[in-house]
C-alpha atoms as a PDB file:
ATOM      1  CA  UNK A   1     -24.627  12.568  -5.801  1.00  0.00           C
ATOM      2  CA  UNK A   2     -22.390   9.898  -4.287  1.00  0.00           C
ATOM      3  CA  UNK A   3     -23.804   6.868  -2.560  1.00  0.00           C
ATOM      4  CA  UNK A   4     -21.630   5.664   0.460  1.00  0.00           C
ATOM      5  CA  UNK A   5     -21.578   2.290   1.845  1.00  0.00           C
ATOM      6  CA  UNK A   6     -22.391   2.014   5.544  1.00  0.00           C
ATOM      7  CA  UNK A   7     -19.268   1.109   7.719  1.00  0.00           C
ATOM      8  CA  UNK A   8     -20.853  -2.212   8.419  1.00  0.00           C
ATOM      9  CA  UNK A   9     -20.914  -3.147   4.944  1.00  0.00           C
ATOM     10  CA  UNK A  10     -17.539  -1.985   4.096  1.00  0.00           C
ATOM     11  CA  UNK A  11     -16.383  -4.103   6.923  1.00  0.00           C
ATOM     12  CA  UNK A  12     -18.309  -7.141   5.360  1.00  0.00           C
ATOM     13  CA  UNK A  13     -16.681  -6.390   1.880  1.00  0.00           C
ATOM     14  CA  UNK A  14     -13.247  -5.987   3.325  1.00  0.00           C
ATOM     15  CA  UNK A  15     -13.590  -9.237   5.241  1.00  0.00           C
ATOM     16  CA  UNK A  16     -14.548 -11.150   2.147  1.00  0.00           C
ATOM     17  CA  UNK A  17     -11.854  -9.526  -0.196  1.00  0.00           C
ATOM     18  CA  UNK A  18      -8.941 -12.022   0.817  1.00  0.00           C
ATOM     19  CA  UNK A  19      -6.433  -9.639  -0.097  1.00  0.00           C
ATOM     20  CA  UNK A  20      -2.625 -10.437   0.009  1.00  0.00           C
ATOM     21  CA  UNK A  21       0.521  -8.802  -0.255  1.00  0.00           C
ATOM     22  CA  UNK A  22       0.875  -9.907  -3.978  1.00  0.00           C
ATOM     23  CA  UNK A  23      -2.132  -7.713  -4.855  1.00  0.00           C
ATOM     24  CA  UNK A  24      -0.662  -4.940  -3.214  1.00  0.00           C
ATOM     25  CA  UNK A  25       2.829  -5.297  -4.643  1.00  0.00           C
ATOM     26  CA  UNK A  26       1.181  -5.229  -8.008  1.00  0.00           C
ATOM     27  CA  UNK A  27      -0.658  -2.073  -7.258  1.00  0.00           C
ATOM     28  CA  UNK A  28       2.111  -0.252  -5.691  1.00  0.00           C
ATOM     29  CA  UNK A  29       4.087  -1.157  -8.934  1.00  0.00           C
ATOM     30  CA  UNK A  30       1.539   0.613 -10.925  1.00  0.00           C
ATOM     31  CA  UNK A  31       1.681   3.383  -8.591  1.00  0.00           C
ATOM     32  CA  UNK A  32       5.415   3.844  -8.601  1.00  0.00           C
ATOM     33  CA  UNK A  33       5.274   3.824 -12.524  1.00  0.00           C
ATOM     34  CA  UNK A  34       2.334   6.278 -12.941  1.00  0.00           C
ATOM     35  CA  UNK A  35       4.039   8.646 -10.737  1.00  0.00           C
ATOM     36  CA  UNK A  36       7.204   8.332 -12.309  1.00  0.00           C
ATOM     37  CA  UNK A  37       5.826   8.984 -15.805  1.00  0.00           C
ATOM     38  CA  UNK A  38       4.007  12.303 -14.120  1.00  0.00           C
ATOM     39  CA  UNK A  39       7.411  13.376 -12.819  1.00  0.00           C
ATOM     40  CA  UNK A  40       6.443  12.726  -9.325  1.00  0.00           C
ATOM     41  CA  UNK A  41       9.019  11.333  -6.738  1.00  0.00           C
ATOM     42  CA  UNK A  42       6.818   9.744  -4.100  1.00  0.00           C
ATOM     43  CA  UNK A  43       4.173   7.437  -3.817  1.00  0.00           C
ATOM     44  CA  UNK A  44       1.901   6.645  -0.768  1.00  0.00           C
ATOM     45  CA  UNK A  45      -0.100   3.763  -0.217  1.00  0.00           C
ATOM     46  CA  UNK A  46      -2.044   2.116   2.631  1.00  0.00           C
ATOM     47  CA  UNK A  47      -1.986  -1.170   3.763  1.00  0.00           C
ATOM     48  CA  UNK A  48      -4.583  -3.089   5.732  1.00  0.00           C
ATOM     49  CA  UNK A  49      -3.423  -3.949   9.322  1.00  0.00           C
ATOM     50  CA  UNK A  50      -4.319  -7.503   8.685  1.00  0.00           C
ATOM     51  CA  UNK A  51      -1.251  -8.197   6.168  1.00  0.00           C
ATOM     52  CA  UNK A  52       1.718  -9.798   7.905  1.00  0.00           C
ATOM     53  CA  UNK A  53       4.327  -7.509   9.208  1.00  0.00           C
ATOM     54  CA  UNK A  54       6.922  -9.895   7.683  1.00  0.00           C
ATOM     55  CA  UNK A  55       5.482  -9.619   4.174  1.00  0.00           C
ATOM     56  CA  UNK A  56       5.720  -5.841   4.509  1.00  0.00           C
ATOM     57  CA  UNK A  57       9.397  -5.997   5.606  1.00  0.00           C
ATOM     58  CA  UNK A  58      10.015  -7.994   2.767  1.00  0.00           C
ATOM     59  CA  UNK A  59       8.571  -5.633   0.452  1.00  0.00           C
ATOM     60  CA  UNK A  60      10.496  -2.581   1.985  1.00  0.00           C
ATOM     61  CA  UNK A  61      13.643  -4.645   1.586  1.00  0.00           C
ATOM     62  CA  UNK A  62      12.987  -5.428  -2.026  1.00  0.00           C
ATOM     63  CA  UNK A  63      12.176  -1.801  -2.868  1.00  0.00           C
ATOM     64  CA  UNK A  64      15.428  -0.658  -0.786  1.00  0.00           C
ATOM     65  CA  UNK A  65      17.447  -3.060  -3.041  1.00  0.00           C
ATOM     66  CA  UNK A  66      16.001  -1.562  -6.093  1.00  0.00           C
ATOM     67  CA  UNK A  67      17.368   1.961  -4.863  1.00  0.00           C
ATOM     68  CA  UNK A  68      14.027   3.505  -3.357  1.00  0.00           C
ATOM     69  CA  UNK A  69      13.767   4.964   0.037  1.00  0.00           C
ATOM     70  CA  UNK A  70      11.040   3.658   1.885  1.00  0.00           C
ATOM     71  CA  UNK A  71       9.038   5.216   4.814  1.00  0.00           C
ATOM     72  CA  UNK A  72       6.907   2.871   6.819  1.00  0.00           C
ATOM     73  CA  UNK A  73       4.531   3.826   9.555  1.00  0.00           C
ATOM     74  CA  UNK A  74       2.325   1.871  11.864  1.00  0.00           C
ATOM     75  CA  UNK A  75      -0.910   3.465  12.538  1.00  0.00           C
ATOM     76  CA  UNK A  76      -3.676   2.297  14.900  1.00  0.00           C
ATOM     77  CA  UNK A  77      -5.984   0.787  12.122  1.00  0.00           C
ATOM     78  CA  UNK A  78      -3.557   0.458   9.180  1.00  0.00           C
ATOM     79  CA  UNK A  79      -0.045   0.693   7.841  1.00  0.00           C
ATOM     80  CA  UNK A  80       1.356   3.627   5.629  1.00  0.00           C
ATOM     81  CA  UNK A  81       4.107   3.086   3.071  1.00  0.00           C
ATOM     82  CA  UNK A  82       5.923   5.921   1.354  1.00  0.00           C
ATOM     83  CA  UNK A  83       8.081   5.356  -1.746  1.00  0.00           C
ATOM     84  CA  UNK A  84      10.506   7.885  -2.628  1.00  0.00           C
ATOM     85  CA  UNK A  85      13.360   8.051  -5.273  1.00  0.00           C
ATOM     86  CA  UNK A  86      15.580  11.022  -5.719  1.00  0.00           C
END
């Protein structure tokens, strides 16, 4: 049986994680490569809302320059980021 953290514990962990856009770039790069090797054409990732929007825009521009299509959505508590290639 899986044991879940309480929401309060998750918030404490999240507050102390000190995540920045560079960590998300590395993970997204890995997801893109893994998906491409499996023949998939899209990657979806969720970014925490505390990341600066300018950093996310820069990431989107970098991916667009590399030929990817990026769909970015702003949700109430997080950003969603879809990367496509055709």
